[in-house]
Amino acid sequence: SLTAGKNPGQVVTKPFVATGDRLLLNVDVSDEGEATVEVLDGDMQTIGGFELSSSVPLRGRSIQQTVRWTTKSKWSQLAGRKVRLRIRIRNADLYALWTGK
């Protein structure tokens, strides 16, 4: 797992091809914590609509939290595209990520 305390931590994934309709995280977020996700292209540039600042913060403990953005951009729009994820967490433990229908 990836653990971050009061000071935020982040990880950038290796490139992969986006599939599925949803991006899901298994994350345990403590009080006053959050997890946010940004989608990057192959050149490490943010894909419009999938910025970290527009990621709806994930909170609480759940093995299956769906990542969403306030821009109304949907994970399914990225299907077939090579992407990376920048996942930022604070007061949280990140265990896994996957895509689903």
N, C-alpha and C. Protein backbone atom coordinates (compact mmCIF):
# COMPACT_ATOMS: atom_id res chain seq x y z
N SER A 1 0.83 -1.19 0.00
CA SER A 1 0.00 0.00 0.00
C SER A 1 0.87 1.25 0.00
N LEU A 2 0.28 2.36 -0.37
CA LEU A 2 0.91 3.68 -0.31
C LEU A 2 0.24 4.43 0.82
N THR A 3 1.04 4.93 1.76
CA THR A 3 0.49 5.61 2.93
C THR A 3 0.99 7.04 2.97
N ALA A 4 0.09 7.97 3.28
CA ALA A 4 0.46 9.37 3.47
C ALA A 4 -0.21 9.87 4.74
N GLY A 5 0.52 10.68 5.48
CA GLY A 5 -0.02 11.28 6.69
C GLY A 5 -0.53 12.68 6.41
N LYS A 6 -0.24 13.57 7.34
CA LYS A 6 -0.71 14.96 7.23
C LYS A 6 -0.16 15.65 5.98
N ASN A 7 1.10 15.32 5.62
CA ASN A 7 1.69 15.86 4.40
C ASN A 7 1.28 14.97 3.23
N PRO A 8 0.76 15.54 2.15
CA PRO A 8 0.30 14.74 1.01
C PRO A 8 1.43 13.95 0.36
N GLY A 9 1.08 12.80 -0.17
CA GLY A 9 1.99 11.99 -0.97
C GLY A 9 1.33 11.71 -2.30
N GLN A 10 2.13 11.36 -3.28
CA GLN A 10 1.54 11.05 -4.58
C GLN A 10 2.34 9.97 -5.28
N VAL A 11 1.69 9.36 -6.24
CA VAL A 11 2.31 8.36 -7.08
C VAL A 11 1.83 8.59 -8.51
N VAL A 12 2.71 8.36 -9.47
CA VAL A 12 2.33 8.42 -10.88
C VAL A 12 2.50 7.00 -11.43
N THR A 13 1.45 6.49 -12.04
CA THR A 13 1.49 5.12 -12.56
C THR A 13 2.33 5.03 -13.83
N LYS A 14 2.67 3.82 -14.18
CA LYS A 14 3.25 3.56 -15.49
C LYS A 14 2.15 3.75 -16.53
N PRO A 15 2.50 4.01 -17.79
CA PRO A 15 1.47 4.16 -18.82
C PRO A 15 0.67 2.86 -19.00
N PHE A 16 -0.61 3.01 -19.24
CA PHE A 16 -1.47 1.86 -19.55
C PHE A 16 -2.60 2.34 -20.45
N VAL A 17 -3.26 1.42 -21.11
CA VAL A 17 -4.38 1.76 -21.98
C VAL A 17 -5.66 1.75 -21.16
N ALA A 18 -6.37 2.87 -21.17
CA ALA A 18 -7.62 3.00 -20.42
C ALA A 18 -8.68 2.08 -20.99
N THR A 19 -9.38 1.39 -20.09
CA THR A 19 -10.48 0.51 -20.48
C THR A 19 -11.62 0.71 -19.48
N GLY A 20 -12.77 0.16 -19.81
CA GLY A 20 -13.89 0.17 -18.88
C GLY A 20 -14.61 1.51 -18.82
N ASP A 21 -15.65 1.53 -17.99
CA ASP A 21 -16.50 2.71 -17.83
C ASP A 21 -16.16 3.52 -16.59
N ARG A 22 -15.47 2.88 -15.62
CA ARG A 22 -15.19 3.54 -14.35
C ARG A 22 -13.76 3.26 -13.90
N LEU A 23 -13.19 4.23 -13.19
CA LEU A 23 -11.91 4.05 -12.51
C LEU A 23 -12.24 3.92 -11.03
N LEU A 24 -11.71 2.88 -10.40
CA LEU A 24 -12.02 2.60 -9.00
C LEU A 24 -10.75 2.53 -8.16
N LEU A 25 -10.87 2.97 -6.91
CA LEU A 25 -9.76 2.89 -5.96
C LEU A 25 -10.21 2.15 -4.71
N ASN A 26 -9.31 1.35 -4.17
CA ASN A 26 -9.46 0.78 -2.83
C ASN A 26 -8.61 1.68 -1.95
N VAL A 27 -9.28 2.54 -1.17
CA VAL A 27 -8.57 3.54 -0.39
C VAL A 27 -9.24 3.69 0.98
N ASP A 28 -8.40 3.87 1.99
CA ASP A 28 -8.87 4.09 3.36
C ASP A 28 -8.43 5.50 3.75
N VAL A 29 -9.38 6.43 3.78
CA VAL A 29 -9.09 7.83 4.06
C VAL A 29 -9.53 8.16 5.48
N SER A 30 -8.60 8.65 6.29
CA SER A 30 -8.90 9.04 7.67
C SER A 30 -9.56 10.41 7.72
N ASP A 31 -9.95 10.81 8.93
CA ASP A 31 -10.54 12.14 9.12
C ASP A 31 -9.64 13.22 8.54
N GLU A 32 -10.25 14.20 7.91
CA GLU A 32 -9.55 15.33 7.32
C GLU A 32 -8.59 14.93 6.21
N GLY A 33 -8.74 13.74 5.67
CA GLY A 33 -7.92 13.29 4.56
C GLY A 33 -8.69 13.26 3.27
N GLU A 34 -8.00 12.91 2.19
CA GLU A 34 -8.65 12.79 0.89
C GLU A 34 -7.73 12.10 -0.09
N ALA A 35 -8.33 11.62 -1.17
CA ALA A 35 -7.59 11.06 -2.29
C ALA A 35 -8.15 11.70 -3.56
N THR A 36 -7.27 12.18 -4.43
CA THR A 36 -7.68 12.79 -5.69
C THR A 36 -6.85 12.19 -6.82
N VAL A 37 -7.40 12.26 -8.05
CA VAL A 37 -6.76 11.62 -9.20
C VAL A 37 -6.75 12.56 -10.39
N GLU A 38 -5.60 12.61 -11.05
CA GLU A 38 -5.43 13.37 -12.29
C GLU A 38 -5.03 12.39 -13.38
N VAL A 39 -5.52 12.59 -14.59
CA VAL A 39 -5.17 11.72 -15.71
C VAL A 39 -4.19 12.46 -16.62
N LEU A 40 -3.08 11.79 -16.93
CA LEU A 40 -2.02 12.36 -17.76
C LEU A 40 -1.93 11.61 -19.08
N ASP A 41 -1.44 12.30 -20.12
CA ASP A 41 -1.21 11.62 -21.40
C ASP A 41 0.19 11.01 -21.39
N GLY A 42 0.60 10.45 -22.50
CA GLY A 42 1.90 9.79 -22.60
C GLY A 42 3.08 10.72 -22.37
N ASP A 43 2.89 12.03 -22.57
CA ASP A 43 3.95 13.02 -22.36
C ASP A 43 3.89 13.65 -20.97
N MET A 44 3.12 13.05 -20.08
CA MET A 44 2.96 13.52 -18.70
C MET A 44 2.23 14.86 -18.61
N GLN A 45 1.43 15.18 -19.62
CA GLN A 45 0.63 16.40 -19.61
C GLN A 45 -0.79 16.05 -19.16
N THR A 46 -1.39 16.93 -18.38
CA THR A 46 -2.75 16.69 -17.90
C THR A 46 -3.73 16.69 -19.06
N ILE A 47 -4.63 15.73 -19.06
CA ILE A 47 -5.68 15.67 -20.07
C ILE A 47 -6.82 16.58 -19.60
N GLY A 48 -7.23 17.50 -20.46
CA GLY A 48 -8.28 18.46 -20.12
C GLY A 48 -9.53 17.78 -19.59
N GLY A 49 -10.07 18.31 -18.49
CA GLY A 49 -11.25 17.75 -17.86
C GLY A 49 -10.95 16.74 -16.78
N PHE A 50 -9.69 16.29 -16.72
CA PHE A 50 -9.29 15.27 -15.74
C PHE A 50 -8.19 15.80 -14.82
N GLU A 51 -8.23 17.11 -14.52
CA GLU A 51 -7.22 17.75 -13.69
C GLU A 51 -7.37 17.33 -12.22
N LEU A 52 -6.25 17.39 -11.50
CA LEU A 52 -6.26 17.09 -10.07
C LEU A 52 -7.21 18.03 -9.34
N SER A 53 -7.23 19.29 -9.75
CA SER A 53 -8.07 20.29 -9.08
C SER A 53 -9.56 20.05 -9.29
N SER A 54 -9.93 19.28 -10.32
CA SER A 54 -11.35 18.99 -10.55
C SER A 54 -11.74 17.58 -10.11
N SER A 55 -10.80 16.85 -9.53
CA SER A 55 -11.10 15.51 -9.01
C SER A 55 -11.96 15.64 -7.76
N VAL A 56 -13.07 14.93 -7.72
CA VAL A 56 -13.93 14.94 -6.53
C VAL A 56 -13.20 14.14 -5.45
N PRO A 57 -12.87 14.76 -4.32
CA PRO A 57 -12.09 14.07 -3.28
C PRO A 57 -12.81 12.82 -2.76
N LEU A 58 -12.07 11.72 -2.70
CA LEU A 58 -12.59 10.49 -2.11
C LEU A 58 -12.33 10.55 -0.62
N ARG A 59 -13.32 10.14 0.14
CA ARG A 59 -13.20 10.16 1.60
C ARG A 59 -13.79 8.87 2.17
N GLY A 60 -13.39 8.54 3.39
CA GLY A 60 -13.93 7.35 4.04
C GLY A 60 -13.16 6.10 3.66
N ARG A 61 -13.68 5.00 4.12
CA ARG A 61 -13.04 3.70 3.90
C ARG A 61 -13.94 2.86 2.99
N SER A 62 -13.39 2.46 1.86
CA SER A 62 -14.15 1.62 0.95
C SER A 62 -13.19 0.88 0.03
N ILE A 63 -13.52 -0.37 -0.23
CA ILE A 63 -12.68 -1.14 -1.15
C ILE A 63 -13.01 -0.81 -2.61
N GLN A 64 -14.05 0.01 -2.83
CA GLN A 64 -14.45 0.30 -4.20
C GLN A 64 -15.07 1.70 -4.30
N GLN A 65 -14.22 2.72 -4.45
CA GLN A 65 -14.70 4.09 -4.62
C GLN A 65 -14.49 4.51 -6.07
N THR A 66 -15.53 5.01 -6.70
CA THR A 66 -15.45 5.46 -8.09
C THR A 66 -14.88 6.87 -8.15
N VAL A 67 -13.88 7.06 -9.00
CA VAL A 67 -13.26 8.37 -9.19
C VAL A 67 -14.13 9.18 -10.15
N ARG A 68 -14.37 10.45 -9.76
CA ARG A 68 -15.18 11.36 -10.58
C ARG A 68 -14.50 12.73 -10.64
N TRP A 69 -14.87 13.51 -11.66
CA TRP A 69 -14.36 14.86 -11.81
C TRP A 69 -15.53 15.83 -11.91
N THR A 70 -15.37 17.03 -11.36
CA THR A 70 -16.43 18.03 -11.36
C THR A 70 -16.71 18.56 -12.76
N THR A 71 -15.82 18.33 -13.69
CA THR A 71 -15.97 18.80 -15.07
C THR A 71 -16.97 17.97 -15.86
N LYS A 72 -17.50 16.92 -15.25
CA LYS A 72 -18.41 15.98 -15.91
C LYS A 72 -17.69 15.08 -16.91
N SER A 73 -16.35 15.16 -16.96
CA SER A 73 -15.59 14.23 -17.80
C SER A 73 -15.77 12.83 -17.23
N LYS A 74 -15.85 11.87 -18.11
CA LYS A 74 -16.08 10.49 -17.70
C LYS A 74 -14.90 9.61 -18.12
N TRP A 75 -14.56 8.67 -17.25
CA TRP A 75 -13.47 7.73 -17.52
C TRP A 75 -13.66 7.05 -18.87
N SER A 76 -14.88 6.71 -19.22
CA SER A 76 -15.16 5.99 -20.48
C SER A 76 -14.71 6.78 -21.71
N GLN A 77 -14.59 8.10 -21.61
CA GLN A 77 -14.12 8.92 -22.72
C GLN A 77 -12.67 8.62 -23.09
N LEU A 78 -11.95 8.02 -22.18
CA LEU A 78 -10.53 7.74 -22.38
C LEU A 78 -10.26 6.35 -22.94
N ALA A 79 -11.29 5.56 -23.17
CA ALA A 79 -11.14 4.17 -23.62
C ALA A 79 -10.23 4.08 -24.85
N GLY A 80 -9.25 3.20 -24.77
CA GLY A 80 -8.32 2.96 -25.87
C GLY A 80 -7.13 3.91 -25.90
N ARG A 81 -7.12 4.88 -25.02
CA ARG A 81 -6.05 5.89 -24.98
C ARG A 81 -5.00 5.50 -23.95
N LYS A 82 -3.72 5.73 -24.28
CA LYS A 82 -2.65 5.46 -23.33
C LYS A 82 -2.60 6.61 -22.33
N VAL A 83 -2.68 6.26 -21.04
CA VAL A 83 -2.72 7.27 -19.97
C VAL A 83 -1.81 6.87 -18.82
N ARG A 84 -1.60 7.83 -17.92
CA ARG A 84 -0.98 7.61 -16.62
C ARG A 84 -1.90 8.27 -15.61
N LEU A 85 -1.82 7.86 -14.37
CA LEU A 85 -2.59 8.49 -13.31
C LEU A 85 -1.64 9.12 -12.29
N ARG A 86 -1.98 10.32 -11.85
CA ARG A 86 -1.30 10.93 -10.71
C ARG A 86 -2.31 10.85 -9.57
N ILE A 87 -2.01 10.06 -8.56
CA ILE A 87 -2.91 9.88 -7.43
C ILE A 87 -2.27 10.57 -6.23
N ARG A 88 -2.99 11.51 -5.65
CA ARG A 88 -2.50 12.26 -4.49
C ARG A 88 -3.36 11.89 -3.28
N ILE A 89 -2.71 11.54 -2.17
CA ILE A 89 -3.44 11.18 -0.96
C ILE A 89 -2.89 11.96 0.24
N ARG A 90 -3.78 12.20 1.19
CA ARG A 90 -3.41 12.84 2.46
C ARG A 90 -4.22 12.16 3.55
N ASN A 91 -3.53 11.77 4.64
CA ASN A 91 -4.17 11.02 5.73
C ASN A 91 -4.94 9.82 5.16
N ALA A 92 -4.24 9.03 4.34
CA ALA A 92 -4.91 7.92 3.66
C ALA A 92 -3.94 6.80 3.31
N ASP A 93 -4.51 5.63 3.06
CA ASP A 93 -3.79 4.47 2.55
C ASP A 93 -4.43 4.05 1.24
N LEU A 94 -3.62 3.94 0.21
CA LEU A 94 -4.08 3.48 -1.11
C LEU A 94 -3.63 2.04 -1.29
N TYR A 95 -4.60 1.15 -1.57
CA TYR A 95 -4.28 -0.26 -1.71
C TYR A 95 -4.30 -0.77 -3.15
N ALA A 96 -5.22 -0.27 -3.95
CA ALA A 96 -5.33 -0.79 -5.32
C ALA A 96 -6.13 0.17 -6.19
N LEU A 97 -5.97 0.01 -7.50
CA LEU A 97 -6.80 0.73 -8.46
C LEU A 97 -7.09 -0.22 -9.61
N TRP A 98 -8.24 -0.04 -10.23
CA TRP A 98 -8.63 -0.85 -11.37
C TRP A 98 -9.75 -0.15 -12.12
N THR A 99 -10.06 -0.69 -13.28
CA THR A 99 -11.18 -0.15 -14.06
C THR A 99 -12.28 -1.20 -14.11
N GLY A 100 -13.50 -0.73 -14.29
CA GLY A 100 -14.63 -1.65 -14.32
C GLY A 100 -15.76 -1.13 -15.18
N LYS A 101 -16.75 -1.96 -15.32
CA LYS A 101 -17.94 -1.60 -16.11
C LYS A 101 -18.96 -0.96 -15.23
